[in-house]
N, C-alpha and C. Protein backbone atom coordinates (compact mmCIF):
# COMPACT_ATOMS: atom_id res chain seq x y z
N MET A 1 42.74 98.53 141.31
CA MET A 1 42.35 97.20 140.96
C MET A 1 42.01 96.46 142.24
N LYS A 2 42.87 96.76 143.28
CA LYS A 2 42.60 96.13 144.51
C LYS A 2 41.17 96.33 145.02
N ARG A 3 40.61 97.52 144.74
CA ARG A 3 39.25 97.78 145.24
C ARG A 3 38.30 96.99 144.57
N LEU A 4 38.44 96.77 143.18
CA LEU A 4 37.54 95.99 142.47
C LEU A 4 37.71 94.47 142.82
N ALA A 5 38.84 93.96 143.12
CA ALA A 5 38.98 92.58 143.52
C ALA A 5 38.34 92.47 144.91
N MET A 6 38.53 93.46 145.79
CA MET A 6 37.92 93.31 147.12
C MET A 6 36.43 93.38 146.97
N ALA A 7 35.85 94.03 146.14
CA ALA A 7 34.32 94.20 145.97
C ALA A 7 33.79 92.92 145.41
N GLY A 8 34.51 92.35 144.48
CA GLY A 8 34.07 91.04 143.96
C GLY A 8 34.10 89.93 145.00
N LEU A 9 35.09 89.94 145.85
CA LEU A 9 35.34 88.95 146.84
C LEU A 9 34.31 89.19 147.96
N LEU A 10 33.97 90.35 148.29
CA LEU A 10 33.09 90.63 149.22
C LEU A 10 31.59 90.29 148.62
N GLY A 11 31.28 90.48 147.44
CA GLY A 11 29.98 90.18 146.79
C GLY A 11 29.80 88.64 146.82
N THR A 12 30.87 87.91 146.46
CA THR A 12 30.80 86.47 146.49
C THR A 12 30.51 85.94 147.85
N ALA A 13 31.12 86.52 148.85
CA ALA A 13 31.00 86.10 150.24
C ALA A 13 29.57 86.39 150.76
N LEU A 14 29.03 87.42 150.28
CA LEU A 14 27.57 87.72 150.68
C LEU A 14 26.61 86.79 150.10
N ILE A 15 26.83 86.44 148.85
CA ILE A 15 25.96 85.48 148.16
C ILE A 15 26.02 84.12 148.93
N ALA A 16 27.23 83.71 149.25
CA ALA A 16 27.48 82.41 149.90
C ALA A 16 26.79 82.44 151.29
N ILE A 17 26.89 83.57 152.00
CA ILE A 17 26.33 83.59 153.38
C ILE A 17 24.78 83.60 153.22
N SER A 18 24.24 84.32 152.27
CA SER A 18 22.83 84.36 152.18
C SER A 18 22.28 83.06 151.81
N ALA A 19 22.96 82.20 151.02
CA ALA A 19 22.49 80.89 150.56
C ALA A 19 22.36 79.98 151.81
N THR A 20 23.32 80.02 152.75
CA THR A 20 23.25 79.23 153.94
C THR A 20 22.41 79.79 154.93
N ALA A 21 22.04 81.09 154.98
CA ALA A 21 20.97 81.56 155.79
C ALA A 21 19.56 81.11 155.51
N HIS A 22 19.36 80.82 154.28
CA HIS A 22 18.04 80.34 153.83
C HIS A 22 17.80 78.88 153.87
N ALA A 23 18.80 78.14 154.29
CA ALA A 23 18.77 76.72 154.55
C ALA A 23 17.79 76.28 155.67
N ARG A 24 16.75 75.65 155.53
CA ARG A 24 15.77 75.18 156.52
C ARG A 24 15.19 73.88 156.16
N VAL A 25 14.44 73.36 157.13
CA VAL A 25 13.83 72.05 156.96
C VAL A 25 12.44 72.38 156.52
N SER A 26 11.92 71.71 155.46
CA SER A 26 10.53 71.92 155.12
C SER A 26 9.87 70.53 154.96
N VAL A 27 8.57 70.41 155.48
CA VAL A 27 7.88 69.29 155.50
C VAL A 27 6.60 69.56 154.59
N SER A 28 6.33 68.83 153.61
CA SER A 28 5.16 68.95 152.87
C SER A 28 4.29 67.76 152.77
N ILE A 29 3.00 67.77 152.71
CA ILE A 29 2.12 66.62 152.55
C ILE A 29 1.34 66.91 151.25
N GLY A 30 1.43 66.09 150.29
CA GLY A 30 0.67 66.39 149.02
C GLY A 30 -0.04 65.07 148.49
N ILE A 31 -1.16 65.31 148.01
CA ILE A 31 -1.96 64.17 147.36
C ILE A 31 -1.65 64.40 145.88
N GLY A 32 -0.98 63.40 145.29
CA GLY A 32 -0.60 63.43 143.84
C GLY A 32 -1.88 63.13 143.03
N VAL A 33 -2.08 63.80 142.05
CA VAL A 33 -3.18 63.66 141.10
C VAL A 33 -2.43 62.89 139.88
N PRO A 34 -2.98 61.73 139.45
CA PRO A 34 -2.18 61.07 138.39
C PRO A 34 -2.38 61.78 137.06
N GLY A 35 -1.54 61.51 136.17
CA GLY A 35 -1.66 62.20 134.93
C GLY A 35 -2.71 61.44 134.02
N PHE A 36 -2.90 61.99 132.85
CA PHE A 36 -3.85 61.34 131.99
C PHE A 36 -3.32 60.02 131.43
N VAL A 37 -4.19 59.00 131.54
CA VAL A 37 -3.93 57.76 131.00
C VAL A 37 -4.77 57.37 129.90
N TYR A 38 -4.10 57.13 128.84
CA TYR A 38 -4.75 56.74 127.55
C TYR A 38 -4.60 55.24 127.29
N GLY A 39 -5.79 54.56 127.39
CA GLY A 39 -5.93 53.18 127.24
C GLY A 39 -6.09 52.85 125.70
N PRO A 40 -6.05 51.61 125.45
CA PRO A 40 -6.34 51.25 124.03
C PRO A 40 -7.83 51.46 123.74
N PRO A 41 -8.20 51.67 122.52
CA PRO A 41 -9.63 51.79 122.11
C PRO A 41 -10.39 50.57 122.46
N PRO A 42 -11.73 50.79 122.73
CA PRO A 42 -12.56 49.59 123.11
C PRO A 42 -12.68 48.66 121.86
N VAL A 43 -12.68 47.41 122.12
CA VAL A 43 -12.83 46.44 121.10
C VAL A 43 -14.20 45.79 121.05
N TYR A 44 -14.95 45.86 120.02
CA TYR A 44 -16.20 45.22 119.84
C TYR A 44 -16.15 43.83 119.34
N ILE A 45 -16.61 42.93 120.21
CA ILE A 45 -16.60 41.47 119.70
C ILE A 45 -17.97 41.13 119.33
N ALA A 46 -18.14 40.90 117.97
CA ALA A 46 -19.56 40.62 117.50
C ALA A 46 -19.91 39.20 117.95
N PRO A 47 -21.23 39.02 118.37
CA PRO A 47 -21.62 37.69 118.70
C PRO A 47 -21.64 36.76 117.40
N ALA A 48 -21.59 35.46 117.64
CA ALA A 48 -21.54 34.54 116.61
C ALA A 48 -22.86 34.61 115.90
N PRO A 49 -22.88 34.37 114.51
CA PRO A 49 -24.18 34.43 113.77
C PRO A 49 -24.95 33.22 114.19
N VAL A 50 -26.26 33.43 114.18
CA VAL A 50 -27.22 32.32 114.46
C VAL A 50 -27.83 31.86 113.25
N TYR A 51 -27.55 30.55 112.92
CA TYR A 51 -28.18 30.03 111.72
C TYR A 51 -29.47 29.16 112.11
N VAL A 52 -30.51 29.52 111.33
CA VAL A 52 -31.77 28.79 111.66
C VAL A 52 -32.17 28.05 110.42
N ALA A 53 -32.35 26.84 110.49
CA ALA A 53 -32.81 26.08 109.24
C ALA A 53 -34.16 26.51 108.80
N PRO A 54 -34.46 26.58 107.57
CA PRO A 54 -35.79 26.97 107.01
C PRO A 54 -36.80 25.79 107.43
N PRO A 55 -38.09 26.19 107.55
CA PRO A 55 -39.03 25.29 107.90
C PRO A 55 -39.15 24.09 106.79
N PRO A 56 -39.44 22.96 107.24
CA PRO A 56 -39.56 21.82 106.22
C PRO A 56 -40.70 22.10 105.19
N VAL A 57 -40.44 21.73 103.97
CA VAL A 57 -41.54 21.96 102.94
C VAL A 57 -42.53 20.77 103.12
N MET A 58 -43.72 21.09 103.38
CA MET A 58 -44.78 20.15 103.46
C MET A 58 -45.72 20.13 102.25
N VAL A 59 -45.93 19.04 101.56
CA VAL A 59 -46.69 18.94 100.42
C VAL A 59 -48.02 18.19 100.96
N VAL A 60 -49.13 18.91 100.79
CA VAL A 60 -50.36 18.29 101.24
C VAL A 60 -51.30 18.22 99.99
N PRO A 61 -51.79 16.97 99.77
CA PRO A 61 -52.68 16.90 98.46
C PRO A 61 -54.10 17.60 98.86
N GLY A 62 -54.63 18.12 97.83
CA GLY A 62 -55.96 18.69 97.98
C GLY A 62 -56.98 17.69 98.39
N PRO A 63 -58.19 18.30 98.95
CA PRO A 63 -59.16 17.32 99.41
C PRO A 63 -59.79 16.57 98.18
N ILE A 64 -60.21 15.43 98.40
CA ILE A 64 -60.92 14.67 97.35
C ILE A 64 -62.41 14.89 97.52
N GLU A 65 -62.99 15.24 96.37
CA GLU A 65 -64.42 15.47 96.29
C GLU A 65 -65.03 14.42 95.40
N TYR A 66 -66.16 13.78 96.02
CA TYR A 66 -66.91 12.81 95.32
C TYR A 66 -68.16 13.58 94.63
N VAL A 67 -68.29 13.60 93.44
CA VAL A 67 -69.37 14.16 92.69
C VAL A 67 -70.16 13.03 92.07
N PRO A 68 -71.40 13.06 92.29
CA PRO A 68 -72.18 11.97 91.66
C PRO A 68 -72.35 12.17 90.04
N TYR A 69 -72.25 11.09 89.29
CA TYR A 69 -72.26 11.28 87.88
C TYR A 69 -73.67 11.48 87.36
N ASP A 70 -73.83 12.41 86.46
CA ASP A 70 -75.09 12.84 85.91
C ASP A 70 -74.96 12.64 84.30
N PRO A 71 -75.52 11.64 83.83
CA PRO A 71 -75.45 11.47 82.35
C PRO A 71 -76.21 12.57 81.61
N TYR A 72 -77.15 13.20 82.22
CA TYR A 72 -77.94 14.16 81.48
C TYR A 72 -77.57 15.59 81.78
N TRP A 73 -76.34 15.84 82.14
CA TRP A 73 -75.97 17.18 82.49
C TRP A 73 -76.02 18.22 81.34
N ARG A 74 -75.94 17.67 80.12
CA ARG A 74 -76.00 18.60 78.97
C ARG A 74 -77.42 19.10 78.76
N GLU A 75 -78.37 18.26 79.01
CA GLU A 75 -79.84 18.59 78.80
C GLU A 75 -80.18 19.69 79.89
N ARG A 76 -79.69 19.36 81.06
CA ARG A 76 -80.07 20.30 82.23
C ARG A 76 -79.49 21.65 81.91
N ARG A 77 -78.24 21.59 81.48
CA ARG A 77 -77.58 22.90 81.10
C ARG A 77 -78.28 23.71 80.09
N TRP A 78 -78.80 22.86 79.13
CA TRP A 78 -79.60 23.58 78.03
C TRP A 78 -80.88 24.13 78.67
N ARG A 79 -81.51 23.37 79.46
CA ARG A 79 -82.82 23.90 80.02
C ARG A 79 -82.58 25.13 80.81
N GLU A 80 -81.51 25.20 81.58
CA GLU A 80 -81.19 26.37 82.42
C GLU A 80 -80.88 27.61 81.50
N GLU A 81 -80.15 27.32 80.50
CA GLU A 81 -79.93 28.51 79.51
C GLU A 81 -81.23 28.92 78.89
N ARG A 82 -82.02 27.97 78.46
CA ARG A 82 -83.27 28.41 77.82
C ARG A 82 -84.21 29.21 78.75
N TRP A 83 -84.34 28.84 79.96
CA TRP A 83 -85.18 29.61 80.86
C TRP A 83 -84.60 30.98 81.27
N ARG A 84 -83.30 31.12 80.97
CA ARG A 84 -82.72 32.49 81.21
C ARG A 84 -83.38 33.53 80.27
N GLU A 85 -83.81 33.20 79.12
CA GLU A 85 -84.41 34.03 78.17
C GLU A 85 -85.66 34.71 78.72
N TYR A 86 -86.50 33.81 79.36
CA TYR A 86 -87.71 34.23 79.91
C TYR A 86 -87.65 34.95 81.30
N ARG A 87 -86.55 34.96 81.78
CA ARG A 87 -86.38 35.73 83.05
C ARG A 87 -85.96 37.10 82.94
N ARG A 88 -85.77 37.58 81.73
CA ARG A 88 -85.52 38.96 81.50
C ARG A 88 -86.67 39.85 81.75
N TRP A 89 -86.31 41.12 82.06
CA TRP A 89 -87.51 42.05 82.45
C TRP A 89 -88.34 42.45 81.28
N ASP A 90 -87.91 42.33 80.05
CA ASP A 90 -88.64 42.81 78.99
C ASP A 90 -89.28 41.61 78.23
N HIS A 91 -89.18 40.42 78.86
CA HIS A 91 -89.83 39.33 78.15
C HIS A 91 -91.29 39.42 78.06
N ASP A 92 -91.94 39.92 79.07
CA ASP A 92 -93.42 40.09 79.04
C ASP A 92 -93.81 40.95 77.94
N ARG A 93 -93.09 42.01 77.75
CA ARG A 93 -93.51 42.97 76.68
C ARG A 93 -93.47 42.46 75.32
N HIS A 94 -92.44 41.74 75.13
CA HIS A 94 -92.33 41.13 73.76
C HIS A 94 -93.37 39.91 73.49
N TYR A 95 -93.59 39.33 74.56
CA TYR A 95 -94.53 38.20 74.53
C TYR A 95 -95.99 38.74 74.19
N HIS A 96 -96.40 39.82 74.83
CA HIS A 96 -97.60 40.39 74.59
C HIS A 96 -97.71 41.03 73.17
N ASP A 97 -96.64 41.68 72.85
CA ASP A 97 -96.59 42.33 71.49
C ASP A 97 -96.76 41.25 70.37
N ARG A 98 -96.08 40.23 70.57
CA ARG A 98 -96.13 39.09 69.61
C ARG A 98 -97.55 38.63 69.48
N HIS A 99 -98.20 38.34 70.55
CA HIS A 99 -99.46 37.75 70.59
C HIS A 99 -100.42 38.79 70.14
N TYR A 100 -100.25 40.04 70.48
CA TYR A 100 -101.25 40.98 69.97
C TYR A 100 -101.18 41.12 68.47
N HIS A 101 -99.98 41.12 67.81
CA HIS A 101 -99.99 41.18 66.40
C HIS A 101 -100.57 39.92 65.72
N ARG A 102 -100.40 38.83 66.43
CA ARG A 102 -100.90 37.65 65.77
C ARG A 102 -102.46 37.72 65.75
N ARG A 103 -102.94 38.38 66.82
CA ARG A 103 -104.46 38.38 66.94
C ARG A 103 -105.09 39.30 65.83
N ARG A 104 -104.29 40.26 65.54
CA ARG A 104 -104.73 41.27 64.54
C ARG A 104 -104.78 40.68 63.09
N ASP A 105 -104.02 39.78 62.87
CA ASP A 105 -103.89 39.21 61.59
C ASP A 105 -105.03 38.39 61.30
C-alpha cells in the first residue's frame, strides 16, 4: 500500500509541476466583431390625406335666339311638302303616262 500511496503522491506532484511550467505571459490583439443586432421593425408613417374641394357648380343659361315671326309658316310648310311629290325620280313617268292615256280617250 505504501507503493500505491507513493505513486499517487508522485503523480499529483508531477501534475502540479507541469501546470507551473506552462505558466507564461501572452499578449493578443483582437478586433472584435459585434454580434447580430436585431432592431425593431421599420414603421411606415402614412402621409396625411389631401382633401380637395370639388369644383363649383356653374349654371350657365343657354344662348338666346331671336327668330323672326312668320305668320304664314303653315302655308310655306304645305308648299314645301307639296313640291316634294314632284321631286321623286318616277314623277315624270307617271306624269307622261297620265297625259298619254288622256290623249287616247
